[in-house]
Amino acid sequence: MSASAGRPVTVVLTQPARRATALADVLRRAGVEVAGWPMTGIDETPGLDWPAIADTLSNCRWALLPSPAAIEVVFDALRRHGLAWPAATGLGLIGPGSREALDGWARRVPGLASARVLEPAAAPYDADALLARPEFASLAGTSVAVLRRGDGREAWLHTLRERGATVHALTVYAASDAEPPADAGARVAAWAARDAAVVFSIASADAGSRLARVMAALPEAAWILERPVLTQHPRIAQALEHAGWRCVIRHEPGTAALAAAIESLRHRCP
């Protein structure tokens, strides 16, 4: 597939709807057609006492948010409840994509714009890289909150405790599997019929594997699984290739990097 400058490009965003909305707006302004196929649903944990959570956060040195989804859920809830971000509590993020999500809330939640923010110094951007920062090397006497999904990784919670931190693991959202839209098969057939310039943006290994299984059952399976897939992390890229995607391309995190990767596709997957 060649995404030449004169040929319309369709990008299929598989991220949760909360995250994909901001991505779609930027890409559409750049002249890219966007199809939203969220393969993961994100829901706030019901019944949470957000004033009590805010009180816990105010007694923590750091609050770690392991995904853009966590950021969207937490700050939407704080805004709804009229709660400010505590002045003494720093934020730990996993990378530029999370920073973009946070920036979108900076002027909507009091106190957030002035909060100290840490993120990995370099790729790969993940929880392990965040904890490699010197600020997290010794945490004796320090309270750390982790605002997470219930089935999230446990290893880095153990690392925080081993370094002396009192850890508050707060389950604030759940992720659920989703399926492509009902018209996905028809869309794929139409794209394949005209050999359309279609690109997938996939930020989750599980989501990419589920989507590959669905696509493999279509008559156009060979065509669709050869479309370029853009992703950020080397582990996700490896998992996507294992799932059957044949043209997996890594790019730097963030919306600008995604847009640049789309622009450069004419050089990558002929």
C-alpha atoms as a PDB file:
ATOM      1  CA  MET A   1       0.000   0.000   0.000  1.00  0.00           C
ATOM      2  CA  SER A   2       1.223   3.435  -0.828  1.00  0.00           C
ATOM      3  CA  ALA A   3      -0.090   6.457   1.069  1.00  0.00           C
ATOM      4  CA  SER A   4       1.100   9.007  -1.435  1.00  0.00           C
ATOM      5  CA  ALA A   5       0.457  12.698  -0.898  1.00  0.00           C
ATOM      6  CA  GLY A   6      -2.366  12.814  -3.455  1.00  0.00           C
ATOM      7  CA  ARG A   7      -4.205   9.704  -2.227  1.00  0.00           C
ATOM      8  CA  PRO A   8      -6.762   9.852   0.609  1.00  0.00           C
ATOM      9  CA  VAL A   9      -5.736   7.883   3.681  1.00  0.00           C
ATOM     10  CA  THR A  10      -8.140   6.255   6.135  1.00  0.00           C
ATOM     11  CA  VAL A  11      -6.814   5.615   9.630  1.00  0.00           C
ATOM     12  CA  VAL A  12      -8.687   3.095  11.766  1.00  0.00           C
ATOM     13  CA  LEU A  13      -8.356   4.117  15.418  1.00  0.00           C
ATOM     14  CA  THR A  14      -8.785   1.140  17.744  1.00  0.00           C
ATOM     15  CA  GLN A  15      -8.116   3.021  20.990  1.00  0.00           C
ATOM     16  CA  PRO A  16     -10.870   3.449  23.602  1.00  0.00           C
ATOM     17  CA  ALA A  17     -13.382   6.090  22.574  1.00  0.00           C
ATOM     18  CA  ARG A  18     -12.294   8.483  25.352  1.00  0.00           C
ATOM     19  CA  ARG A  19      -8.778   8.595  23.913  1.00  0.00           C
ATOM     20  CA  ALA A  20      -9.625   8.245  20.224  1.00  0.00           C
ATOM     21  CA  THR A  21     -11.797  11.360  20.131  1.00  0.00           C
ATOM     22  CA  ALA A  22      -8.835  13.708  20.645  1.00  0.00           C
ATOM     23  CA  LEU A  23      -6.695  11.761  18.156  1.00  0.00           C
ATOM     24  CA  ALA A  24      -9.454  11.838  15.551  1.00  0.00           C
ATOM     25  CA  ASP A  25      -9.870  15.609  15.823  1.00  0.00           C
ATOM     26  CA  VAL A  26      -6.174  16.228  15.168  1.00  0.00           C
ATOM     27  CA  LEU A  27      -5.974  13.774  12.273  1.00  0.00           C
ATOM     28  CA  ARG A  28      -9.095  15.120  10.578  1.00  0.00           C
ATOM     29  CA  ARG A  29      -7.657  18.634  10.738  1.00  0.00           C
ATOM     30  CA  ALA A  30      -4.629  17.220   8.920  1.00  0.00           C
ATOM     31  CA  GLY A  31      -6.859  15.930   6.131  1.00  0.00           C
ATOM     32  CA  VAL A  32      -6.922  12.292   7.208  1.00  0.00           C
ATOM     33  CA  GLU A  33     -10.141  10.288   7.104  1.00  0.00           C
ATOM     34  CA  VAL A  34     -10.743   8.536  10.417  1.00  0.00           C
ATOM     35  CA  ALA A  35     -12.743   5.411  11.225  1.00  0.00           C
ATOM     36  CA  GLY A  36     -13.397   4.757  14.902  1.00  0.00           C
ATOM     37  CA  TRP A  37     -13.239   1.058  15.800  1.00  0.00           C
ATOM     38  CA  PRO A  38     -12.673   1.069  19.585  1.00  0.00           C
ATOM     39  CA  MET A  39     -11.564  -2.436  20.542  1.00  0.00           C
ATOM     40  CA  THR A  40     -11.498  -1.697  24.277  1.00  0.00           C
ATOM     41  CA  GLY A  41     -14.174  -0.155  26.465  1.00  0.00           C
ATOM     42  CA  ILE A  42     -13.189   1.992  29.445  1.00  0.00           C
ATOM     43  CA  ASP A  43     -15.561   2.459  32.382  1.00  0.00           C
ATOM     44  CA  GLU A  44     -15.068   4.202  35.698  1.00  0.00           C
ATOM     45  CA  THR A  45     -15.327   1.846  38.658  1.00  0.00           C
ATOM     46  CA  PRO A  46     -18.844   2.372  40.017  1.00  0.00           C
ATOM     47  CA  GLY A  47     -19.486   3.675  43.501  1.00  0.00           C
ATOM     48  CA  LEU A  48     -16.126   5.352  44.103  1.00  0.00           C
ATOM     49  CA  ASP A  49     -15.895   7.970  46.865  1.00  0.00           C
ATOM     50  CA  TRP A  50     -13.945  10.605  44.955  1.00  0.00           C
ATOM     51  CA  PRO A  51     -13.669  13.086  47.869  1.00  0.00           C
ATOM     52  CA  ALA A  52     -12.060  10.263  49.899  1.00  0.00           C
ATOM     53  CA  ILE A  53      -9.751   9.442  46.986  1.00  0.00           C
ATOM     54  CA  ALA A  54      -8.759  13.109  46.736  1.00  0.00           C
ATOM     55  CA  ASP A  55      -7.985  13.065  50.465  1.00  0.00           C
ATOM     56  CA  THR A  56      -5.777   9.981  50.000  1.00  0.00           C
ATOM     57  CA  LEU A  57      -3.973  11.672  47.117  1.00  0.00           C
ATOM     58  CA  SER A  58      -3.290  14.759  49.241  1.00  0.00           C
ATOM     59  CA  ASN A  59      -1.305  12.549  51.642  1.00  0.00           C
ATOM     60  CA  CYS A  60       0.820  10.979  48.890  1.00  0.00           C
ATOM     61  CA  ARG A  61       4.113  12.233  47.517  1.00  0.00           C
ATOM     62  CA  TRP A  62       3.355  10.741  44.124  1.00  0.00           C
ATOM     63  CA  ALA A  63       0.319   9.561  42.185  1.00  0.00           C
ATOM     64  CA  LEU A  64       1.128   7.271  39.278  1.00  0.00           C
ATOM     65  CA  LEU A  65      -1.242   6.972  36.311  1.00  0.00           C
ATOM     66  CA  PRO A  66      -0.249   4.021  34.115  1.00  0.00           C
ATOM     67  CA  SER A  67      -2.223   4.902  30.982  1.00  0.00           C
ATOM     68  CA  PRO A  68      -4.010   7.706  29.124  1.00  0.00           C
ATOM     69  CA  ALA A  69      -7.253   5.916  30.030  1.00  0.00           C
ATOM     70  CA  ALA A  70      -6.486   6.332  33.730  1.00  0.00           C
ATOM     71  CA  ILE A  71      -5.874  10.034  33.159  1.00  0.00           C
ATOM     72  CA  GLU A  72      -9.182  10.513  31.365  1.00  0.00           C
ATOM     73  CA  VAL A  73     -11.149   8.679  34.062  1.00  0.00           C
ATOM     74  CA  VAL A  74      -9.458  10.322  37.053  1.00  0.00           C
ATOM     75  CA  PHE A  75      -9.574  13.914  35.900  1.00  0.00           C
ATOM     76  CA  ASP A  76     -13.066  13.654  34.479  1.00  0.00           C
ATOM     77  CA  ALA A  77     -14.192  12.424  37.894  1.00  0.00           C
ATOM     78  CA  LEU A  78     -12.330  15.168  39.784  1.00  0.00           C
ATOM     79  CA  ARG A  79     -13.875  17.787  37.488  1.00  0.00           C
ATOM     80  CA  ARG A  80     -17.390  16.394  37.963  1.00  0.00           C
ATOM     81  CA  HIS A  81     -17.021  16.422  41.735  1.00  0.00           C
ATOM     82  CA  GLY A  82     -15.466  19.902  41.846  1.00  0.00           C
ATOM     83  CA  LEU A  83     -12.225  18.593  43.347  1.00  0.00           C
ATOM     84  CA  ALA A  84      -8.771  20.148  42.953  1.00  0.00           C
ATOM     85  CA  TRP A  85      -5.481  18.367  42.432  1.00  0.00           C
ATOM     86  CA  PRO A  86      -3.502  18.483  45.719  1.00  0.00           C
ATOM     87  CA  ALA A  87      -0.600  20.912  45.565  1.00  0.00           C
ATOM     88  CA  ALA A  88       2.012  18.645  47.173  1.00  0.00           C
ATOM     89  CA  THR A  89       1.272  15.539  45.091  1.00  0.00           C
ATOM     90  CA  GLY A  90       3.394  14.930  42.008  1.00  0.00           C
ATOM     91  CA  LEU A  91       2.281  12.925  38.998  1.00  0.00           C
ATOM     92  CA  GLY A  92       4.074  10.003  37.373  1.00  0.00           C
ATOM     93  CA  LEU A  93       3.150   9.254  33.745  1.00  0.00           C
ATOM     94  CA  ILE A  94       4.322   6.566  31.347  1.00  0.00           C
ATOM     95  CA  GLY A  95       5.165   8.774  28.381  1.00  0.00           C
ATOM     96  CA  PRO A  96       4.276  11.462  25.844  1.00  0.00           C
ATOM     97  CA  GLY A  97       0.847  10.040  25.028  1.00  0.00           C
ATOM     98  CA  SER A  98      -0.121  10.308  28.673  1.00  0.00           C
ATOM     99  CA  ARG A  99       1.374  13.793  28.838  1.00  0.00           C
ATOM    100  CA  GLU A 100      -0.868  14.843  25.947  1.00  0.00           C
ATOM    101  CA  ALA A 101      -3.898  13.457  27.748  1.00  0.00           C
ATOM    102  CA  LEU A 102      -2.883  15.278  30.939  1.00  0.00           C
ATOM    103  CA  ASP A 103      -2.347  18.560  29.109  1.00  0.00           C
ATOM    104  CA  GLY A 104      -5.940  18.376  27.921  1.00  0.00           C
ATOM    105  CA  TRP A 105      -7.081  18.549  31.545  1.00  0.00           C
ATOM    106  CA  ALA A 106      -4.556  21.064  32.883  1.00  0.00           C
ATOM    107  CA  ARG A 107      -6.908  24.060  32.808  1.00  0.00           C
ATOM    108  CA  ARG A 108     -10.032  22.105  33.705  1.00  0.00           C
ATOM    109  CA  VAL A 109      -8.990  20.784  37.124  1.00  0.00           C
ATOM    110  CA  PRO A 110      -7.778  23.341  39.699  1.00  0.00           C
ATOM    111  CA  GLY A 111      -4.201  22.843  40.810  1.00  0.00           C
ATOM    112  CA  LEU A 112      -3.289  20.478  37.991  1.00  0.00           C
ATOM    113  CA  ALA A 113      -1.432  23.014  35.835  1.00  0.00           C
ATOM    114  CA  SER A 114       1.138  23.588  38.609  1.00  0.00           C
ATOM    115  CA  ALA A 115       1.643  19.934  39.588  1.00  0.00           C
ATOM    116  CA  ARG A 116       5.088  18.371  39.266  1.00  0.00           C
ATOM    117  CA  VAL A 117       5.094  15.747  36.510  1.00  0.00           C
ATOM    118  CA  LEU A 118       7.603  12.951  35.897  1.00  0.00           C
ATOM    119  CA  GLU A 119       7.753  10.580  32.939  1.00  0.00           C
ATOM    120  CA  PRO A 120      10.363   8.213  31.458  1.00  0.00           C
ATOM    121  CA  ALA A 121      13.466   9.949  30.185  1.00  0.00           C
ATOM    122  CA  ALA A 122      13.485   7.912  26.956  1.00  0.00           C
ATOM    123  CA  ALA A 123      11.769   5.072  25.140  1.00  0.00           C
ATOM    124  CA  PRO A 124      10.469   2.481  25.720  1.00  0.00           C
ATOM    125  CA  TYR A 125       7.743   4.358  27.534  1.00  0.00           C
ATOM    126  CA  ASP A 126       6.206   2.141  30.178  1.00  0.00           C
ATOM    127  CA  ALA A 127       5.901   1.646  33.929  1.00  0.00           C
ATOM    128  CA  ASP A 128       9.353   0.085  34.234  1.00  0.00           C
ATOM    129  CA  ALA A 129      10.942   3.089  32.540  1.00  0.00           C
ATOM    130  CA  LEU A 130       9.054   5.457  34.830  1.00  0.00           C
ATOM    131  CA  LEU A 131      10.320   3.647  37.917  1.00  0.00           C
ATOM    132  CA  ALA A 132      13.859   3.834  36.528  1.00  0.00           C
ATOM    133  CA  ARG A 133      13.838   7.571  37.213  1.00  0.00           C
ATOM    134  CA  PRO A 134      16.128   8.510  40.125  1.00  0.00           C
ATOM    135  CA  GLU A 135      13.236  10.119  41.992  1.00  0.00           C
ATOM    136  CA  PHE A 136      11.786   6.634  42.518  1.00  0.00           C
ATOM    137  CA  ALA A 137      15.035   4.893  43.513  1.00  0.00           C
ATOM    138  CA  SER A 138      14.469   5.219  47.273  1.00  0.00           C
ATOM    139  CA  LEU A 139      10.955   5.684  48.643  1.00  0.00           C
ATOM    140  CA  ALA A 140      11.340   4.959  52.356  1.00  0.00           C
ATOM    141  CA  GLY A 141       8.694   6.843  54.320  1.00  0.00           C
ATOM    142  CA  THR A 142       6.901   7.902  51.135  1.00  0.00           C
ATOM    143  CA  SER A 143       3.276   7.258  50.218  1.00  0.00           C
ATOM    144  CA  VAL A 144       2.544   6.544  46.566  1.00  0.00           C
ATOM    145  CA  ALA A 145      -0.895   6.159  44.973  1.00  0.00           C
ATOM    146  CA  VAL A 146      -1.353   4.096  41.822  1.00  0.00           C
ATOM    147  CA  LEU A 147      -4.583   4.909  39.984  1.00  0.00           C
ATOM    148  CA  ARG A 148      -5.149   1.808  37.939  1.00  0.00           C
ATOM    149  CA  ARG A 149      -7.402  -0.824  36.428  1.00  0.00           C
ATOM    150  CA  GLY A 150      -8.179  -3.870  38.509  1.00  0.00           C
ATOM    151  CA  ASP A 151      -6.398  -6.315  36.231  1.00  0.00           C
ATOM    152  CA  GLY A 152      -3.337  -4.135  35.742  1.00  0.00           C
ATOM    153  CA  ARG A 153       0.231  -5.321  36.223  1.00  0.00           C
ATOM    154  CA  GLU A 154       1.216  -6.057  39.818  1.00  0.00           C
ATOM    155  CA  ALA A 155       4.991  -6.189  39.374  1.00  0.00           C
ATOM    156  CA  TRP A 156       5.617  -2.483  39.662  1.00  0.00           C
ATOM    157  CA  LEU A 157       3.485  -2.274  42.826  1.00  0.00           C
ATOM    158  CA  HIS A 158       5.843  -4.816  44.343  1.00  0.00           C
ATOM    159  CA  THR A 159       8.825  -2.746  43.164  1.00  0.00           C
ATOM    160  CA  LEU A 160       7.457   0.363  44.874  1.00  0.00           C
ATOM    161  CA  ARG A 161       6.973  -1.544  48.126  1.00  0.00           C
ATOM    162  CA  GLU A 162      10.446  -3.068  47.919  1.00  0.00           C
ATOM    163  CA  ARG A 163      11.840   0.455  47.673  1.00  0.00           C
ATOM    164  CA  GLY A 164      10.102   1.415  50.908  1.00  0.00           C
ATOM    165  CA  ALA A 165       6.905   3.089  49.703  1.00  0.00           C
ATOM    166  CA  THR A 166       3.494   2.774  51.289  1.00  0.00           C
ATOM    167  CA  VAL A 167       1.407   1.970  48.221  1.00  0.00           C
ATOM    168  CA  HIS A 168      -2.247   2.885  47.771  1.00  0.00           C
ATOM    169  CA  ALA A 169      -3.430   0.805  44.794  1.00  0.00           C
ATOM    170  CA  LEU A 170      -6.701   2.489  43.803  1.00  0.00           C
ATOM    171  CA  THR A 171      -8.807   0.688  41.193  1.00  0.00           C
ATOM    172  CA  VAL A 172     -10.533   3.534  39.364  1.00  0.00           C
ATOM    173  CA  TYR A 173     -11.479   1.977  36.038  1.00  0.00           C
ATOM    174  CA  ALA A 174     -12.075  -1.280  34.221  1.00  0.00           C
ATOM    175  CA  ALA A 175     -11.288  -2.221  30.644  1.00  0.00           C
ATOM    176  CA  SER A 176     -13.559  -4.529  28.666  1.00  0.00           C
ATOM    177  CA  ASP A 177     -13.145  -6.226  25.310  1.00  0.00           C
ATOM    178  CA  ALA A 178     -15.064  -4.700  22.421  1.00  0.00           C
ATOM    179  CA  GLU A 179     -15.782  -5.837  18.887  1.00  0.00           C
ATOM    180  CA  PRO A 180     -15.432  -3.963  15.583  1.00  0.00           C
ATOM    181  CA  PRO A 181     -18.561  -2.082  14.479  1.00  0.00           C
ATOM    182  CA  ALA A 182     -21.337  -4.022  12.807  1.00  0.00           C
ATOM    183  CA  ASP A 183     -20.444  -2.636   9.388  1.00  0.00           C
ATOM    184  CA  ALA A 184     -16.738  -3.561   9.652  1.00  0.00           C
ATOM    185  CA  GLY A 185     -17.002  -6.429   7.150  1.00  0.00           C
ATOM    186  CA  ALA A 186     -18.743  -4.239   4.602  1.00  0.00           C
ATOM    187  CA  ARG A 187     -16.205  -1.467   5.122  1.00  0.00           C
ATOM    188  CA  VAL A 188     -13.316  -3.874   4.582  1.00  0.00           C
ATOM    189  CA  ALA A 189     -14.918  -5.264   1.415  1.00  0.00           C
ATOM    190  CA  ALA A 190     -15.354  -1.758   0.016  1.00  0.00           C
ATOM    191  CA  TRP A 191     -11.787  -0.769   0.906  1.00  0.00           C
ATOM    192  CA  ALA A 192     -10.338  -3.916  -0.641  1.00  0.00           C
ATOM    193  CA  ALA A 193     -12.387  -3.500  -3.822  1.00  0.00           C
ATOM    194  CA  ARG A 194     -10.713  -0.174  -4.553  1.00  0.00           C
ATOM    195  CA  ASP A 195      -7.387  -1.022  -2.845  1.00  0.00           C
ATOM    196  CA  ALA A 196      -7.884   1.901  -0.475  1.00  0.00           C
ATOM    197  CA  ALA A 197      -5.050   3.386   1.574  1.00  0.00           C
ATOM    198  CA  VAL A 198      -6.041   2.031   4.997  1.00  0.00           C
ATOM    199  CA  VAL A 199      -3.877   2.212   8.112  1.00  0.00           C
ATOM    200  CA  PHE A 200      -4.574   0.817  11.593  1.00  0.00           C
ATOM    201  CA  SER A 201      -3.490   2.517  14.808  1.00  0.00           C
ATOM    202  CA  ILE A 202      -3.307  -0.106  17.567  1.00  0.00           C
ATOM    203  CA  ALA A 203      -2.012   0.653  21.055  1.00  0.00           C
ATOM    204  CA  SER A 204      -2.876  -2.622  22.798  1.00  0.00           C
ATOM    205  CA  ALA A 205      -1.589  -6.109  22.091  1.00  0.00           C
ATOM    206  CA  ASP A 206      -4.859  -7.692  23.238  1.00  0.00           C
ATOM    207  CA  ALA A 207      -6.956  -5.375  21.094  1.00  0.00           C
ATOM    208  CA  GLY A 208      -4.752  -6.012  18.064  1.00  0.00           C
ATOM    209  CA  SER A 209      -4.959  -9.779  18.518  1.00  0.00           C
ATOM    210  CA  ARG A 210      -8.761  -9.714  18.799  1.00  0.00           C
ATOM    211  CA  LEU A 211      -9.062  -7.546  15.720  1.00  0.00           C
ATOM    212  CA  ALA A 212      -6.708  -9.799  13.748  1.00  0.00           C
ATOM    213  CA  ARG A 213      -8.881 -12.821  14.577  1.00  0.00           C
ATOM    214  CA  VAL A 214     -11.986 -11.041  13.321  1.00  0.00           C
ATOM    215  CA  MET A 215     -10.253  -9.845  10.168  1.00  0.00           C
ATOM    216  CA  ALA A 216      -8.840 -13.337   9.474  1.00  0.00           C
ATOM    217  CA  ALA A 217     -12.389 -14.667   9.111  1.00  0.00           C
ATOM    218  CA  LEU A 218     -13.262 -12.244   6.280  1.00  0.00           C
ATOM    219  CA  PRO A 219     -12.914 -13.060   2.567  1.00  0.00           C
ATOM    220  CA  GLU A 220     -10.530 -10.091   2.336  1.00  0.00           C
ATOM    221  CA  ALA A 221      -8.314 -11.408   5.167  1.00  0.00           C
ATOM    222  CA  ALA A 222      -5.097 -11.500   3.151  1.00  0.00           C
ATOM    223  CA  TRP A 223      -5.595  -7.932   1.958  1.00  0.00           C
ATOM    224  CA  ILE A 224      -6.571  -6.408   5.314  1.00  0.00           C
ATOM    225  CA  LEU A 225      -3.826  -8.114   7.343  1.00  0.00           C
ATOM    226  CA  GLU A 226      -1.252  -6.625   4.967  1.00  0.00           C
ATOM    227  CA  ARG A 227      -2.370  -3.067   5.770  1.00  0.00           C
ATOM    228  CA  PRO A 228       0.144  -1.053   7.816  1.00  0.00           C
ATOM    229  CA  VAL A 229      -0.335  -1.133  11.563  1.00  0.00           C
ATOM    230  CA  LEU A 230       1.101   1.717  13.633  1.00  0.00           C
ATOM    231  CA  THR A 231       1.991   1.157  17.277  1.00  0.00           C
ATOM    232  CA  GLN A 232       4.341   2.586  19.891  1.00  0.00           C
ATOM    233  CA  HIS A 233       5.910  -0.071  22.082  1.00  0.00           C
ATOM    234  CA  PRO A 234       8.263  -2.844  20.936  1.00  0.00           C
ATOM    235  CA  ARG A 235       6.430  -5.480  22.984  1.00  0.00           C
ATOM    236  CA  ILE A 236       3.131  -4.512  21.380  1.00  0.00           C
ATOM    237  CA  ALA A 237       4.718  -4.551  17.917  1.00  0.00           C
ATOM    238  CA  GLN A 238       6.025  -8.071  18.516  1.00  0.00           C
ATOM    239  CA  ALA A 239       2.618  -9.262  19.726  1.00  0.00           C
ATOM    240  CA  LEU A 240       0.866  -7.764  16.709  1.00  0.00           C
ATOM    241  CA  GLU A 241       3.221  -9.518  14.310  1.00  0.00           C
ATOM    242  CA  HIS A 242       2.600 -12.776  16.153  1.00  0.00           C
ATOM    243  CA  ALA A 243      -1.168 -12.187  15.829  1.00  0.00           C
ATOM    244  CA  GLY A 244      -0.905 -12.037  12.041  1.00  0.00           C
ATOM    245  CA  TRP A 245      -0.432  -8.393  11.094  1.00  0.00           C
ATOM    246  CA  ARG A 246       2.248  -8.361   8.392  1.00  0.00           C
ATOM    247  CA  CYS A 247       3.304  -4.703   8.256  1.00  0.00           C
ATOM    248  CA  VAL A 248       3.797  -3.424  11.807  1.00  0.00           C
ATOM    249  CA  ILE A 249       5.501  -0.047  12.120  1.00  0.00           C
ATOM    250  CA  ARG A 250       6.643   1.509  15.379  1.00  0.00           C
ATOM    251  CA  HIS A 251       6.442   5.237  15.946  1.00  0.00           C
ATOM    252  CA  GLU A 252       7.159   7.587  18.820  1.00  0.00           C
ATOM    253  CA  PRO A 253       4.297   8.205  21.260  1.00  0.00           C
ATOM    254  CA  GLY A 254       1.923  11.110  20.829  1.00  0.00           C
ATOM    255  CA  THR A 255      -0.510  12.465  18.279  1.00  0.00           C
ATOM    256  CA  ALA A 256       2.104  14.425  16.332  1.00  0.00           C
ATOM    257  CA  ALA A 257       4.246  11.311  15.983  1.00  0.00           C
ATOM    258  CA  LEU A 258       1.239   9.296  14.809  1.00  0.00           C
ATOM    259  CA  ALA A 259       0.456  11.925  12.174  1.00  0.00           C
ATOM    260  CA  ALA A 260       4.083  11.945  11.046  1.00  0.00           C
ATOM    261  CA  ALA A 261       4.094   8.148  10.776  1.00  0.00           C
ATOM    262  CA  ILE A 262       1.011   8.263   8.563  1.00  0.00           C
ATOM    263  CA  GLU A 263       2.658  10.855   6.349  1.00  0.00           C
ATOM    264  CA  SER A 264       5.768   8.723   5.977  1.00  0.00           C
ATOM    265  CA  LEU A 265       3.986   5.483   5.072  1.00  0.00           C
ATOM    266  CA  ARG A 266       4.633   5.912   1.347  1.00  0.00           C
ATOM    267  CA  HIS A 267       8.270   5.107   2.159  1.00  0.00           C
ATOM    268  CA  ARG A 268       7.605   2.133   4.408  1.00  0.00           C
ATOM    269  CA  CYS A 269       5.117  -0.450   3.112  1.00  0.00           C
ATOM    270  CA  PRO A 270       4.891  -0.400  -0.687  1.00  0.00           C
END
